[in-house]
Amino acid sequence: RVIRKPSAALLDYAVRELGCEKGAVAMIGDQYLTDVAGANLGGVRSIKVPTLARGTFRAPVRFSQRLEALVYALLY
């Protein structure tokens, strides 16, 4: 079965594989809509880092990242 971000099931699986408690886990990612949202859904902390080498992503991902940045700028 394929599990994609954001998904609480993905975080639950990762925490089980790590063999630790959710309080000891932090998800590190460069996108709010997938990485940070996935961490929130899974009940773990998140650490947002800047996107590096943006040009290596496929066009739909780059578009999503730009849209995400625009929404974030409008809200904050």
Protein backbone atom coordinates (compact mmCIF):
# COMPACT_ATOMS: atom_id res chain seq x y z
CA ARG A 1 0.00 0.00 0.00
CA VAL A 2 1.30 3.43 -0.91
CA ILE A 3 1.21 6.07 1.83
CA ARG A 4 1.91 9.65 0.83
CA LYS A 5 2.51 12.82 2.84
CA PRO A 6 0.74 14.32 4.63
CA SER A 7 -0.41 11.23 6.48
CA ALA A 8 -0.79 10.31 10.12
CA ALA A 9 -0.38 6.65 9.12
CA LEU A 10 3.04 7.40 7.65
CA LEU A 11 4.21 9.01 10.89
CA ASP A 12 2.75 6.19 12.99
CA TYR A 13 4.66 3.68 10.86
CA ALA A 14 7.91 5.66 11.14
CA VAL A 15 7.60 5.99 14.92
CA ARG A 16 6.97 2.24 15.25
CA GLU A 17 10.00 1.48 13.06
CA LEU A 18 12.16 3.79 15.15
CA GLY A 19 10.93 2.09 18.32
CA CYS A 20 10.43 5.29 20.27
CA GLU A 21 7.68 7.58 21.53
CA LYS A 22 6.20 10.37 19.41
CA GLY A 23 7.53 12.91 21.89
CA ALA A 24 11.07 11.91 20.91
CA VAL A 25 10.48 12.41 17.16
CA ALA A 26 10.76 15.49 14.95
CA MET A 27 10.01 15.53 11.24
CA ILE A 28 12.34 17.72 9.22
CA GLY A 29 11.10 19.03 5.91
CA ASP A 30 11.07 21.89 3.46
CA GLN A 31 7.35 22.08 2.67
CA TYR A 32 4.46 23.18 4.85
CA LEU A 33 1.72 21.34 2.97
CA THR A 34 3.38 17.94 3.10
CA ASP A 35 6.13 17.79 5.71
CA VAL A 36 4.86 20.13 8.43
CA ALA A 37 1.22 19.13 7.86
CA GLY A 38 2.19 15.46 8.03
CA ALA A 39 3.99 16.01 11.32
CA ASN A 40 0.96 17.83 12.73
CA LEU A 41 -1.39 15.05 11.62
CA GLY A 42 0.93 12.44 13.12
CA GLY A 43 1.31 14.25 16.42
CA VAL A 44 5.06 14.89 16.21
CA ARG A 45 7.12 18.08 16.18
CA SER A 46 8.27 19.55 12.89
CA ILE A 47 11.32 21.50 11.81
CA LYS A 48 10.94 23.59 8.64
CA VAL A 49 14.14 24.04 6.66
CA PRO A 50 14.72 26.05 3.46
CA THR A 51 14.38 24.28 0.14
CA LEU A 52 17.73 23.65 -1.52
CA ALA A 53 18.19 23.07 -5.26
CA ARG A 54 14.57 23.97 -6.04
CA GLY A 55 15.27 23.57 -9.75
CA THR A 56 15.76 19.80 -9.32
CA PHE A 57 12.09 19.31 -8.40
CA ARG A 58 9.45 18.49 -11.00
CA ALA A 59 7.37 21.45 -12.22
CA PRO A 60 4.22 20.53 -10.19
CA VAL A 61 6.26 20.43 -6.97
CA ARG A 62 7.89 23.79 -7.73
CA PHE A 63 4.43 25.26 -8.41
CA SER A 64 3.14 23.84 -5.13
CA GLN A 65 6.10 25.33 -3.27
CA ARG A 66 5.49 28.77 -4.80
CA LEU A 67 1.79 28.59 -3.97
CA GLU A 68 2.62 27.51 -0.43
CA ALA A 69 5.02 30.44 0.00
CA LEU A 70 2.39 32.87 -1.29
CA VAL A 71 -0.29 31.57 1.07
CA TYR A 72 2.14 31.71 3.99
CA ALA A 73 3.13 35.28 3.11
CA LEU A 74 -0.52 36.34 2.94
CA LEU A 75 -1.39 34.75 6.28
CA TYR A 76 1.66 35.90 8.22
